[in-house]
Every structure is written in structure tokens, then in C-alpha cells.
Amino acid sequence: MADNHTMEENLAAAQASLQRFADAPLLHLINGAKVPSASGETFANQSPIDGMHLGDVASGDAADIDAAAKAAAAAFVEWGSTPGVERKRVLHRVADLIEEHAHDIAVTECVDTGQTMRWMSHAALRGAANFRFFADQAPGANDGQSLPTPDHVNYTTRHPIGPVGVITPWNTPFMLSTWKIAPALAAGCTVVHKPAEWSPFTAAMLSEIALEAGLPAGVLNTVHGLGETAGKSLTEHPDIKAIAFVGESATGSMIQAQGAPTLKRVHFELGGKNPVIVFDDADLERAVDAAVFMIYSLNGERCTSSSRVLIQDTVYDQVTEMIATKMKNVPVGHPLDPTSIIGPLIHPRHHDKVCSYVDIAESEGATVIRGAEWADAPEGGNWVAPALFTGANNDMRIAQEEIFGPMLTAIPFTDEADAIRIANDVPYGLAGYLWTGDVGRAHRVAHALEAGMIWVNSQNVRHLPTPFGGTKSSGIGRDGGDWSFDFYMETKNIAVSFGNHNVPKLGG
């Protein structure tokens, strides 16, 4: 669905939406009520556009997490036994309200994250689609299998695991929050949500929408705060049975350690250094369009971005020239301008990290090709121009480390075996993309790549019933379709005898 609002309309909507965050500190939502932190502490939220103060946010700690976890545990008694058809009705109402507020959500997210309206208008609607998809699965969430033997009938059933913690990232926070929260609620779990502190606003909007839709108090609780305080308290809380986390691989490792004493189930969507492999028999124009889209959209702040392009040496110069030409025409601009593709990066710390890779690339001997900057960029913003690194090899830091910005590393390869070797020679294994006209090669390479998801002759086109997740340092578990319920629910086997099997006799 296209967004037809003008820059002026987007600015006006953003100002109106953000005014409520400027008037008073953004509060937690615990047990259906907006409450400040028990400590009274807040932290400041700054605009990535110009560094201006957007508002203060309640800074949660162990006391606030404890209150939210207890509320979720109490609410689970009823929500966990609510019929799936009723959960479906409520979650569809959440989706309705998301669609009603989609423009306000989108403009708020643009200002809060720096992502451009071109992508955020779709992200808000994808959030509604996530709720609708999992709402429709709720009536059958408990269903299992019949597994008979000659003397018993075995059947399985599933039950919600209980209160769960959801920790979401800052890059597309609203959509990714719905991707985690919707299946948890559809399964019958209750949720304590800790959104990223760098982009807290739309998480508050989601929890308010859910309450308005009729979700009972305590079923979805939102606690704002820093990872080392609120996040750590959530992963350690004994009432929380599982943690679903999207973010950096190093943080996932810490969360796993923090949850170990309480034997928490974990689901991680972590980093990536995803290859797009272009063979010389591919449709090069389509391959280049897909590679450019997957790295320069969403500010390059996307875990599934095609951050390495591996190009067969026979067409390496041709393809890199095609990419460079397109990259130089990718406009950087105000996130609320419908013509902008790249906006400011989320935070000064992240901006400095991303920009440091230009110097790293040059020091390693790669050639840096820069795209156009925005001449009218406001002072104090986290602005960056897109870049392409050519003449690279896979041993360089620009090929091994997740940059998480609009910078693409181009690496040549000789043949199929060389492409597979280079593609797999990173710590990550989230996604892979390959372009070829040889159907046999497509299957061979897809099977050989060490990644959870492979797209052949395509960019990342998501189909919600399919499994989403990575291998190696890119994550644990799968989301999507029934795989989400496998995480949020416990499976029980029940064996009933037909009465004709032998029962051993001991002791006479």
C-alpha cells in the first residue's frame, strides 16, 4: 500500500504525535496502568535528525520489572485459558487499530529512529499483518498429533508456557515488536516487553492500542529502560519462563547467561553478515537491483541486509560499476520526505561506529566509493552517505564484522566452490541470497550455504508461514507459522492404553 502523504503532512502529523511525549515523561504500562519508575528515574530520548530532545522516558529497573512480571503472572491465569477464538477476536481488533493509527505510528517511528517514510509506512502495516496472521492461528494453537500404536493411542497437545519476556531492537521497532508479541499473545502467553531505549515511542503506542482493543490488563506490559538494568532484571526474573530477543549477537550471549540459573527458554534473532552471490550467468540487472535494495534500504540497519556481495570474477568489474552507479543515485534526506531513501542513523554512538568502517576499509586496502551526502542535512544529526567497498577480500574486517549501515563490501570469487567457501567463512549464518541461471547450481549452493534462510534469484521476500531465523552466531530458534508456537508453548504427550498390553508383574 503506497503512502501518499506529503512532507508537510508528515511533519504536521509527527509534531502532533510527538507532542504528548514532550509534554510529560513517557511512562511504563504495567497491569493496564501508566506508571512512572519506582525510582523516579528517567532518561532522555534524542532525535537522530538534529540531536534535539524529544522527551524523557521512565527508566525501569528491577522493581518495575518485578511489578510487570507479577502482573503478567496474575493475568496468565485467565489469558492462558481464554479460548483461542476469543484471543483471535481481540488480536484482530489490535490489527484494526494499528491500521487506523498506521500513519501516526509511521511518522513517529521516522523521527524516533531516522528511518525514512518510504519504508516505515509499510512497516506499520506489516505490524497489523503480523497480528492478523497469528490471530488466525490462535484457535488451533493447542492442536497436536495423533500417534497410535497397536496397544496405546498417543496424542499431543500444546499449552502456553506462561509469562514471557520480549526484548526488541531499535531499527524497525514497531514491526519487530509485533513479530514477537503477536504469536506470544495468540499462544496464550502474557508478555513483559522491554523495548530498545534508543527508540521507545512506538512500543508505548502498541501497548496502548492493545489495551484499547480489549486485551486484559496485565497481559501486555511495557517497561522502558536500559539493557543493563531493566533488560538484565527481565532475563533473570523467576516468573518469566522464556526470553525472545532481537539484537546483537554479543547481547544475546549475555542474555543466555543471565537466564541460565532459572533455565529460561530463549529465542534469539541476532546479527548477520549475509552474502549475495552473483554468478556470471545471472540476470545481472535484477541481481544488482536486489543487492542495492537489500543494503541501502532501511539505512542498512537490517539484520538480513546483503552486506557482502560476492561476484564471479568474470563479471566483477561490470557488476561493481552497476552497483556504484545505482548507489550514487540513492538519495539521503529527511526521514519524513517521501522521496528520501536513507535517513540519519539511530544514535551518535552507532553513527560513529558505522562511519569508522570507511577508515577501516581504506586502511585494509579496499577502494571506497562514496554516494551523495545530503547538502541540507541539519546540524547535530547522525547523517551518513552510502558507500561501496571494492577490491575487498573476505579476511578484511569490512567482510567479517557487521557494520549495520548503508555500506556494501564487494568480493570476487572464481567458481562455485570458491563462492561457497567465502560465503560460509564468517561467524554469522542468518540469510543468503544467490543469483544464477543454472537451476542445478541454485539447489547445490542453497544446500551448501550455512544460513537459516536462502533466497534464490530474489531479495528478502517474507512469507509469514515460513520459518525465520539463523544459525551460528545469528541466532537460536525459528519464528513464523507454527514455529513460533513451538517456542511459546509446551508440548505434552498423553498415552492411553487400549487395555490389551502386557503389564509386567514384580514381587509375586
Protein backbone atom coordinates (compact mmCIF):
# COMPACT_ATOMS: atom_id res chain seq x y z
CA MET A 1 0.00 0.00 0.00
CA ALA A 2 1.53 3.33 -1.07
CA ASP A 3 1.73 6.26 1.33
CA ASN A 4 0.58 9.40 -0.45
CA HIS A 5 1.21 11.96 2.28
CA THR A 6 3.38 14.97 1.52
CA MET A 7 6.41 16.09 3.51
CA GLU A 8 4.33 18.88 5.06
CA GLU A 9 1.56 16.48 6.08
CA ASN A 10 4.09 14.08 7.58
CA LEU A 11 5.75 16.89 9.56
CA ALA A 12 2.42 18.07 10.94
CA ALA A 13 1.42 14.52 11.93
CA ALA A 14 4.78 13.91 13.56
CA GLN A 15 4.61 17.13 15.57
CA ALA A 16 1.13 16.26 16.82
CA SER A 17 2.12 12.69 17.71
CA LEU A 18 5.37 13.66 19.41
CA GLN A 19 3.83 16.47 21.45
CA ARG A 20 2.46 14.06 24.02
CA PHE A 21 5.93 12.61 24.53
CA ALA A 22 7.35 16.11 25.01
CA ASP A 23 4.69 17.24 27.49
CA ALA A 24 5.48 14.63 30.16
CA PRO A 25 7.81 11.67 30.64
CA LEU A 26 6.87 8.51 28.76
CA LEU A 27 5.66 6.03 31.39
CA HIS A 28 5.63 2.27 31.71
CA LEU A 29 2.39 0.34 31.16
CA ILE A 30 2.06 -2.20 33.97
CA ASN A 31 -1.15 -4.09 34.73
CA GLY A 32 -3.12 -1.75 32.48
CA ALA A 33 -1.91 1.47 34.14
CA LYS A 34 0.63 4.07 33.08
CA VAL A 35 3.12 4.37 35.92
CA PRO A 36 6.48 6.09 36.49
CA SER A 37 9.53 4.15 37.56
CA ALA A 38 9.57 3.21 41.23
CA SER A 39 12.86 5.09 41.49
CA GLY A 40 11.52 8.14 39.69
CA GLU A 41 14.47 7.94 37.27
CA THR A 42 14.15 8.93 33.60
CA PHE A 43 16.43 9.05 30.58
CA ALA A 44 16.42 11.44 27.63
CA ASN A 45 15.40 10.49 24.10
CA GLN A 46 17.09 12.45 21.32
CA SER A 47 16.20 12.91 17.68
CA PRO A 48 18.59 11.30 15.18
CA ILE A 49 17.66 14.09 12.75
CA ASP A 50 19.18 17.02 14.64
CA GLY A 51 20.01 15.77 18.13
CA MET A 52 17.13 17.71 19.68
CA HIS A 53 15.46 16.49 22.85
CA LEU A 54 12.29 14.54 22.02
CA GLY A 55 11.24 13.80 25.58
CA ASP A 56 12.08 11.96 28.77
CA VAL A 57 11.36 8.28 29.31
CA ALA A 58 10.80 6.40 32.55
CA SER A 59 13.92 4.36 33.31
CA GLY A 60 12.88 1.00 34.70
CA ASP A 61 14.88 -1.24 36.98
CA ALA A 62 14.39 -4.44 38.97
CA ALA A 63 11.42 -3.06 40.93
CA ASP A 64 9.48 -2.12 37.78
CA ILE A 65 10.28 -5.42 36.08
CA ASP A 66 9.16 -7.26 39.19
CA ALA A 67 5.82 -5.43 39.19
CA ALA A 68 5.33 -6.15 35.48
CA ALA A 69 6.31 -9.82 35.83
CA LYS A 70 3.89 -10.29 38.74
CA ALA A 71 1.13 -8.61 36.73
CA ALA A 72 1.85 -10.90 33.78
CA ALA A 73 1.83 -13.97 36.04
CA ALA A 74 -1.53 -12.99 37.55
CA ALA A 75 -3.05 -12.22 34.14
CA PHE A 76 -1.82 -15.54 32.74
CA VAL A 77 -4.31 -17.44 34.91
CA GLU A 78 -7.19 -16.20 32.72
CA TRP A 79 -5.49 -15.32 29.43
CA GLY A 80 -3.77 -18.70 29.23
CA SER A 81 -7.14 -20.46 29.42
CA THR A 82 -9.04 -18.00 27.22
CA PRO A 83 -10.42 -19.85 24.17
CA GLY A 84 -8.42 -19.35 21.00
CA VAL A 85 -11.41 -17.91 19.18
CA GLU A 86 -11.63 -15.12 21.77
CA ARG A 87 -7.90 -14.42 21.55
CA LYS A 88 -8.37 -14.27 17.78
CA ARG A 89 -11.11 -11.66 18.12
CA VAL A 90 -9.04 -9.40 20.39
CA LEU A 91 -5.91 -9.67 18.26
CA HIS A 92 -7.83 -8.82 15.09
CA ARG A 93 -9.08 -5.73 16.91
CA VAL A 94 -5.45 -4.84 17.69
CA ALA A 95 -4.70 -5.13 13.97
CA ASP A 96 -7.68 -2.90 13.14
CA LEU A 97 -6.43 -0.19 15.46
CA ILE A 98 -2.87 -0.43 14.15
CA GLU A 99 -4.22 0.20 10.65
CA GLU A 100 -6.26 3.15 11.92
CA HIS A 101 -3.16 4.67 13.53
CA ALA A 102 -0.67 3.50 10.87
CA HIS A 103 0.31 6.98 9.70
CA ASP A 104 0.88 8.29 13.23
CA ILE A 105 2.93 5.19 14.04
CA ALA A 106 5.00 5.62 10.88
CA VAL A 107 5.82 9.31 11.32
CA THR A 108 6.65 8.77 14.99
CA GLU A 109 8.99 5.95 14.10
CA CYS A 110 10.68 8.05 11.41
CA VAL A 111 11.53 10.80 13.88
CA ASP A 112 12.44 8.38 16.67
CA THR A 113 14.70 6.11 14.58
CA GLY A 114 15.77 8.07 11.49
CA GLN A 115 14.24 5.50 9.16
CA THR A 116 12.53 7.05 6.16
CA MET A 117 8.82 7.22 5.47
CA ARG A 118 9.27 5.17 2.30
CA TRP A 119 9.87 2.11 4.50
CA MET A 120 8.11 2.96 7.77
CA SER A 121 4.69 3.41 6.16
CA HIS A 122 4.90 -0.25 5.16
CA ALA A 123 6.40 -1.34 8.49
CA ALA A 124 3.38 -0.13 10.45
CA LEU A 125 1.02 -2.03 8.15
CA ARG A 126 3.22 -5.13 8.37
CA GLY A 127 2.72 -4.94 12.12
CA ALA A 128 -1.02 -5.19 11.57
CA ALA A 129 -0.46 -8.11 9.19
CA ASN A 130 1.59 -9.91 11.86
CA PHE A 131 -1.27 -9.60 14.34
CA ARG A 132 -3.82 -10.82 11.79
CA PHE A 133 -1.72 -13.81 10.78
CA PHE A 134 -1.15 -15.05 14.31
CA ALA A 135 -4.70 -14.18 15.38
CA ASP A 136 -5.95 -16.59 12.75
CA GLN A 137 -3.66 -19.32 14.16
CA ALA A 138 -4.85 -18.85 17.76
CA PRO A 139 -7.88 -21.22 17.62
CA GLY A 140 -5.62 -24.12 16.61
CA ALA A 141 -2.62 -23.25 18.75
CA ASN A 142 -3.29 -26.08 21.20
CA ASP A 143 -3.72 -28.70 18.48
CA GLY A 144 -1.33 -31.64 18.36
CA GLN A 145 -0.91 -35.00 16.65
CA SER A 146 -2.40 -38.46 16.94
CA LEU A 147 0.36 -41.10 17.20
CA PRO A 148 -1.28 -44.53 17.71
CA THR A 149 0.41 -47.89 18.40
CA PRO A 150 -1.26 -51.34 18.49
CA ASP A 151 -1.89 -51.06 22.24
CA HIS A 152 -1.99 -47.33 23.00
CA VAL A 153 -3.23 -44.15 21.46
CA ASN A 154 -0.76 -41.33 21.88
CA TYR A 155 -1.85 -37.80 21.24
CA THR A 156 -0.12 -34.49 21.78
CA THR A 157 -1.42 -31.14 22.87
CA ARG A 158 0.21 -27.77 23.49
CA HIS A 159 -0.17 -25.28 26.32
CA PRO A 160 1.17 -21.74 26.67
CA ILE A 161 4.45 -21.67 28.56
CA GLY A 162 3.45 -18.75 30.81
CA PRO A 163 4.67 -15.15 31.17
CA VAL A 164 7.45 -14.36 28.68
CA GLY A 165 9.90 -11.52 28.21
CA VAL A 166 10.26 -9.82 24.83
CA ILE A 167 13.28 -7.57 24.19
CA THR A 168 13.17 -5.76 20.87
CA PRO A 169 15.69 -3.68 18.86
CA TRP A 170 15.76 -0.10 17.67
CA ASN A 171 15.99 -0.49 13.88
CA THR A 172 12.33 -1.19 12.93
CA PRO A 173 10.95 -1.35 16.46
CA PHE A 174 7.20 -1.37 15.87
CA MET A 175 7.16 -4.12 13.25
CA LEU A 176 9.65 -6.29 15.13
CA SER A 177 7.70 -5.86 18.37
CA THR A 178 4.56 -7.16 16.68
CA TRP A 179 6.55 -10.04 15.15
CA LYS A 180 7.41 -11.26 18.66
CA ILE A 181 4.41 -10.16 20.72
CA ALA A 182 1.59 -11.25 18.40
CA PRO A 183 2.44 -15.00 18.43
CA ALA A 184 3.07 -14.91 22.19
CA LEU A 185 -0.41 -13.47 22.80
CA ALA A 186 -2.01 -15.80 20.24
CA ALA A 187 -0.46 -18.78 22.03
CA GLY A 188 -1.96 -17.64 25.34
CA CYS A 189 1.19 -16.25 26.93
CA THR A 190 1.36 -12.96 28.76
CA VAL A 191 4.20 -10.55 27.98
CA VAL A 192 6.62 -8.15 29.60
CA HIS A 193 8.08 -6.07 26.78
CA LYS A 194 11.39 -4.19 27.15
CA PRO A 195 11.84 -2.05 24.03
CA ALA A 196 15.17 -0.61 22.96
CA GLU A 197 15.98 2.56 24.84
CA TRP A 198 17.06 4.33 21.62
CA SER A 199 13.55 4.07 20.08
CA PRO A 200 10.90 3.76 22.81
CA PHE A 201 7.94 5.71 21.45
CA THR A 202 6.08 3.26 19.21
CA ALA A 203 6.33 0.48 21.81
CA ALA A 204 4.20 2.69 24.05
CA MET A 205 1.76 3.22 21.19
CA LEU A 206 1.47 -0.55 20.67
CA SER A 207 0.72 -1.29 24.33
CA GLU A 208 -1.91 1.46 24.42
CA ILE A 209 -3.53 0.15 21.23
CA ALA A 210 -3.64 -3.38 22.67
CA LEU A 211 -5.35 -2.12 25.83
CA GLU A 212 -7.89 -0.16 23.77
CA ALA A 213 -8.55 -3.28 21.69
CA GLY A 214 -9.68 -5.16 24.78
CA LEU A 215 -6.56 -7.01 25.80
CA PRO A 216 -6.98 -7.57 29.55
CA ALA A 217 -4.80 -5.60 31.96
CA GLY A 218 -1.52 -7.33 32.69
CA VAL A 219 -1.48 -9.41 29.51
CA LEU A 220 0.91 -6.98 27.77
CA ASN A 221 3.16 -4.88 29.99
CA THR A 222 5.80 -2.46 28.70
CA VAL A 223 8.77 -1.44 30.83
CA HIS A 224 11.24 1.07 29.39
CA GLY A 225 14.83 1.18 30.49
CA LEU A 226 18.43 0.31 29.80
CA GLY A 227 19.63 -3.15 28.93
CA GLU A 228 21.95 -3.42 31.91
CA THR A 229 19.13 -2.63 34.37
CA ALA A 230 15.64 -3.35 33.03
CA GLY A 231 16.83 -5.88 30.45
CA LYS A 232 19.00 -7.81 32.87
CA SER A 233 16.25 -7.86 35.51
CA LEU A 234 13.82 -9.26 32.96
CA THR A 235 16.13 -12.06 31.84
CA GLU A 236 16.81 -13.04 35.46
CA HIS A 237 13.24 -12.83 36.83
CA PRO A 238 11.97 -16.22 38.05
CA ASP A 239 8.37 -15.62 36.90
CA ILE A 240 9.47 -15.14 33.28
CA LYS A 241 9.58 -18.52 31.56
CA ALA A 242 11.19 -17.54 28.25
CA ILE A 243 13.01 -14.66 26.58
CA ALA A 244 12.54 -13.67 22.94
CA PHE A 245 15.27 -11.26 21.89
CA VAL A 246 16.19 -9.46 18.69
CA GLY A 247 19.52 -7.65 18.62
CA GLU A 248 23.27 -8.00 18.65
CA SER A 249 24.95 -11.39 18.98
CA ALA A 250 27.08 -10.27 21.97
CA THR A 251 23.95 -9.17 23.83
CA GLY A 252 22.28 -12.49 23.06
CA SER A 253 25.19 -14.30 24.65
CA MET A 254 24.82 -12.22 27.83
CA ILE A 255 21.07 -12.84 27.95
CA GLN A 256 21.60 -16.59 27.64
CA ALA A 257 24.00 -16.50 30.59
CA GLN A 258 21.66 -14.34 32.68
CA GLY A 259 18.72 -16.68 32.08
CA ALA A 260 20.67 -19.87 32.76
CA PRO A 261 20.09 -20.03 36.56
CA THR A 262 16.31 -20.06 36.01
CA LEU A 263 16.57 -22.38 32.97
CA LYS A 264 14.84 -19.91 30.68
CA ARG A 265 13.94 -20.93 27.18
CA VAL A 266 15.50 -18.46 24.71
CA HIS A 267 14.81 -17.42 21.16
CA PHE A 268 17.38 -15.18 19.52
CA GLU A 269 17.36 -13.25 16.25
CA LEU A 270 20.89 -11.85 16.15
CA GLY A 271 23.39 -10.35 13.74
CA GLY A 272 24.28 -11.20 10.19
CA LYS A 273 26.93 -10.72 7.51
CA ASN A 274 24.79 -12.04 4.73
CA PRO A 275 26.21 -12.81 1.27
CA VAL A 276 24.51 -12.16 -2.02
CA ILE A 277 26.26 -14.38 -4.55
CA VAL A 278 26.15 -13.27 -8.19
CA PHE A 279 27.23 -15.84 -10.80
CA ASP A 280 28.10 -14.70 -14.30
CA ASP A 281 25.06 -16.48 -15.77
CA ALA A 282 22.63 -14.49 -13.59
CA ASP A 283 20.24 -11.78 -14.70
CA LEU A 284 22.70 -9.09 -13.64
CA GLU A 285 20.28 -6.18 -13.72
CA ARG A 286 17.85 -7.91 -11.34
CA ALA A 287 20.70 -9.15 -9.13
CA VAL A 288 22.13 -5.65 -8.80
CA ASP A 289 18.72 -4.13 -8.07
CA ALA A 290 18.16 -6.70 -5.33
CA ALA A 291 21.62 -6.21 -3.80
CA VAL A 292 21.26 -2.42 -3.81
CA PHE A 293 17.80 -2.65 -2.27
CA MET A 294 18.89 -5.05 0.48
CA ILE A 295 21.80 -2.88 1.70
CA TYR A 296 20.71 0.71 1.09
CA SER A 297 17.08 0.48 2.21
CA LEU A 298 16.25 0.85 5.91
CA ASN A 299 19.54 2.76 6.34
CA GLY A 300 21.35 -0.57 6.08
CA GLU A 301 20.19 -1.17 9.67
CA ARG A 302 18.69 -4.56 8.93
CA CYS A 303 19.85 -7.98 10.16
CA THR A 304 19.06 -9.61 6.79
CA SER A 305 20.81 -6.96 4.69
CA SER A 306 23.03 -8.24 1.88
CA SER A 307 26.13 -6.66 3.39
CA ARG A 308 28.60 -8.71 1.29
CA VAL A 309 28.18 -9.08 -2.46
CA LEU A 310 30.24 -11.98 -3.84
CA ILE A 311 30.65 -11.55 -7.59
CA GLN A 312 32.14 -14.03 -10.07
CA ASP A 313 35.44 -12.58 -11.25
CA THR A 314 34.40 -12.69 -14.92
CA VAL A 315 31.75 -10.01 -14.26
CA TYR A 316 33.18 -8.38 -11.12
CA ASP A 317 34.10 -5.04 -12.70
CA GLN A 318 30.82 -4.85 -14.61
CA VAL A 319 28.67 -5.59 -11.56
CA THR A 320 30.52 -3.28 -9.18
CA GLU A 321 30.21 -0.48 -11.70
CA MET A 322 26.46 -1.12 -11.96
CA ILE A 323 26.13 -1.09 -8.16
CA ALA A 324 28.18 2.10 -7.84
CA THR A 325 26.05 3.90 -10.43
CA LYS A 326 22.82 3.00 -8.64
CA MET A 327 24.28 3.69 -5.18
CA LYS A 328 25.30 7.22 -6.20
CA ASN A 329 21.66 7.91 -7.11
CA VAL A 330 20.28 6.77 -3.73
CA PRO A 331 19.11 9.99 -2.03
CA VAL A 332 19.87 10.84 1.59
CA GLY A 333 17.28 13.15 3.10
CA HIS A 334 14.82 14.00 5.83
CA PRO A 335 13.07 10.83 7.02
CA LEU A 336 9.63 12.43 6.60
CA ASP A 337 10.31 13.35 2.97
CA PRO A 338 8.62 10.70 0.78
CA THR A 339 11.49 10.90 -1.73
CA SER A 340 14.21 10.06 0.81
CA ILE A 341 15.67 6.57 0.88
CA ILE A 342 18.40 6.93 3.53
CA GLY A 343 17.85 8.98 6.68
CA PRO A 344 20.04 9.60 9.72
CA LEU A 345 21.34 6.66 11.73
CA ILE A 346 19.71 5.92 15.05
CA HIS A 347 22.25 7.26 17.55
CA PRO A 348 25.58 9.14 17.64
CA ARG A 349 27.35 6.07 19.02
CA HIS A 350 26.08 3.90 16.18
CA HIS A 351 26.84 6.65 13.66
CA ASP A 352 30.46 6.80 14.79
CA LYS A 353 30.78 3.01 14.58
CA VAL A 354 29.37 2.83 11.05
CA CYS A 355 31.47 5.74 9.78
CA SER A 356 34.62 4.20 11.24
CA TYR A 357 34.42 1.43 8.64
CA VAL A 358 35.29 3.89 5.87
CA ASP A 359 38.69 4.42 7.50
CA ILE A 360 38.97 0.68 8.21
CA ALA A 361 38.27 -0.13 4.55
CA GLU A 362 40.91 2.29 3.34
CA SER A 363 43.47 1.05 5.86
CA GLU A 364 42.85 -2.54 4.73
CA GLY A 365 43.48 -1.65 1.10
CA ALA A 366 39.92 -1.62 -0.26
CA THR A 367 38.69 1.13 -2.55
CA VAL A 368 35.92 3.29 -1.08
CA ILE A 369 33.26 4.60 -3.46
CA ARG A 370 31.01 7.12 -1.73
CA GLY A 371 27.46 8.06 -2.52
CA ALA A 372 25.94 11.52 -2.31
CA GLU A 373 25.51 13.25 1.03
CA TRP A 374 22.54 15.48 1.83
CA ALA A 375 23.76 19.05 1.43
CA ASP A 376 20.93 20.43 3.59
CA ALA A 377 21.27 17.94 6.45
CA PRO A 378 20.51 19.58 9.82
CA GLU A 379 23.36 20.14 12.23
CA GLY A 380 23.59 17.67 15.09
CA GLY A 381 22.08 14.74 13.17
CA ASN A 382 23.54 11.30 12.58
CA TRP A 383 23.87 11.67 8.81
CA VAL A 384 25.87 9.29 6.65
CA ALA A 385 26.28 8.77 2.92
CA PRO A 386 26.04 5.28 1.39
CA ALA A 387 29.29 3.59 0.42
CA LEU A 388 30.61 0.66 -1.63
CA PHE A 389 33.90 -1.08 -0.82
CA THR A 390 35.54 -2.74 -3.83
CA GLY A 391 38.78 -4.67 -4.19
CA ALA A 392 37.99 -6.42 -0.92
CA ASN A 393 38.72 -9.92 0.30
CA ASN A 394 36.95 -11.96 2.94
CA ASP A 395 39.75 -11.62 5.52
CA MET A 396 39.14 -7.90 5.91
CA ARG A 397 37.16 -6.55 8.86
CA ILE A 398 34.71 -4.97 6.41
CA ALA A 399 33.89 -8.53 5.27
CA GLN A 400 33.77 -10.17 8.71
CA GLU A 401 32.10 -7.63 11.00
CA GLU A 402 28.50 -6.49 10.99
CA ILE A 403 28.56 -2.79 10.07
CA PHE A 404 24.75 -2.36 10.26
CA GLY A 405 24.73 0.66 8.00
CA PRO A 406 24.47 1.52 4.27
CA MET A 407 27.88 0.14 3.32
CA LEU A 408 28.43 -2.81 0.97
CA THR A 409 31.59 -4.92 0.60
CA ALA A 410 32.20 -6.41 -2.88
CA ILE A 411 34.36 -9.57 -3.04
CA PRO A 412 35.32 -11.52 -6.21
CA PHE A 413 35.19 -15.32 -6.47
CA THR A 414 36.33 -17.76 -9.13
CA ASP A 415 33.89 -20.68 -9.16
CA GLU A 416 31.05 -22.34 -7.25
CA ALA A 417 33.29 -23.92 -4.60
CA ASP A 418 35.09 -20.62 -4.01
CA ALA A 419 31.78 -18.78 -3.64
CA ILE A 420 30.55 -21.27 -1.03
CA ARG A 421 33.83 -21.11 0.87
CA ILE A 422 33.80 -17.32 1.06
CA ALA A 423 30.08 -17.13 1.89
CA ASN A 424 30.44 -19.53 4.84
CA ASP A 425 33.70 -18.07 6.17
CA VAL A 426 32.10 -15.68 8.69
CA PRO A 427 30.81 -16.17 12.26
CA TYR A 428 27.23 -15.48 11.16
CA GLY A 429 24.63 -17.56 9.37
CA LEU A 430 21.34 -15.69 9.11
CA ALA A 431 20.49 -15.29 5.42
CA GLY A 432 21.97 -15.84 1.98
CA TYR A 433 20.99 -14.71 -1.50
CA LEU A 434 22.18 -16.22 -4.76
CA TRP A 435 21.67 -15.31 -8.39
CA THR A 436 22.18 -17.82 -11.19
CA GLY A 437 20.51 -19.11 -14.34
CA ASP A 438 21.55 -22.70 -13.57
CA VAL A 439 18.83 -24.49 -11.62
CA GLY A 440 21.12 -27.29 -10.50
CA ARG A 441 23.68 -24.81 -9.19
CA ALA A 442 20.91 -22.91 -7.40
CA HIS A 443 19.99 -26.02 -5.39
CA ARG A 444 23.59 -27.09 -4.78
CA VAL A 445 24.67 -23.71 -3.45
CA ALA A 446 21.50 -23.18 -1.43
CA HIS A 447 22.06 -26.50 0.36
CA ALA A 448 25.74 -25.72 0.97
CA LEU A 449 25.30 -22.25 2.47
CA GLU A 450 25.45 -22.10 6.28
CA ALA A 451 22.42 -19.92 6.88
CA GLY A 452 18.88 -20.29 8.16
CA MET A 453 17.24 -18.67 5.14
CA ILE A 454 18.20 -18.64 1.46
CA TRP A 455 16.60 -16.68 -1.36
CA VAL A 456 17.35 -17.73 -4.94
CA ASN A 457 17.01 -15.07 -7.64
CA SER A 458 15.16 -12.88 -5.14
CA GLN A 459 15.62 -10.30 -2.45
CA ASN A 460 14.21 -10.91 1.06
CA VAL A 461 10.54 -11.60 0.33
CA ARG A 462 8.90 -12.77 3.55
CA HIS A 463 6.10 -15.33 3.66
CA LEU A 464 4.73 -15.44 7.21
CA PRO A 465 4.09 -19.21 7.42
CA THR A 466 7.77 -19.97 6.68
CA PRO A 467 10.50 -20.30 9.35
CA PHE A 468 12.63 -17.22 10.06
CA GLY A 469 15.92 -17.48 11.95
CA GLY A 470 19.63 -18.10 11.73
CA THR A 471 22.50 -20.44 12.53
CA LYS A 472 25.92 -19.98 14.17
CA SER A 473 26.17 -16.53 15.81
CA SER A 474 22.98 -15.37 14.10
CA GLY A 475 20.55 -16.94 16.50
CA ILE A 476 18.67 -19.78 18.10
CA GLY A 477 15.21 -20.97 17.07
CA ARG A 478 12.74 -20.07 14.36
CA ASP A 479 9.79 -17.70 14.11
CA GLY A 480 6.92 -17.76 11.66
CA GLY A 481 3.98 -20.08 11.17
CA ASP A 482 3.77 -22.90 13.66
CA TRP A 483 7.45 -22.50 14.59
CA SER A 484 6.51 -19.50 16.75
CA PHE A 485 4.07 -21.61 18.76
CA ASP A 486 6.75 -24.25 19.31
CA PHE A 487 8.67 -21.61 21.25
CA TYR A 488 5.82 -20.04 23.22
CA MET A 489 4.10 -23.33 24.10
CA GLU A 490 4.91 -26.60 25.87
CA THR A 491 4.09 -29.85 24.08
CA LYS A 492 2.54 -32.65 26.14
CA ASN A 493 2.14 -36.28 25.09
CA ILE A 494 -0.77 -38.29 26.51
CA ALA A 495 -0.70 -42.09 26.16
CA VAL A 496 -3.97 -44.00 26.76
CA SER A 497 -3.95 -47.78 26.85
CA PHE A 498 -6.45 -49.91 24.96
CA GLY A 499 -6.20 -52.33 27.90
CA ASN A 500 -4.62 -55.20 25.96
CA HIS A 501 -0.90 -54.67 26.51
CA ASN A 502 1.22 -56.70 28.90
CA VAL A 503 1.87 -55.11 32.31
CA PRO A 504 5.00 -56.64 33.93
CA LYS A 505 4.45 -58.36 37.28
CA LEU A 506 7.02 -57.99 40.02
CA GLY A 507 7.01 -59.35 43.55
CA GLY A 508 4.66 -62.31 43.15
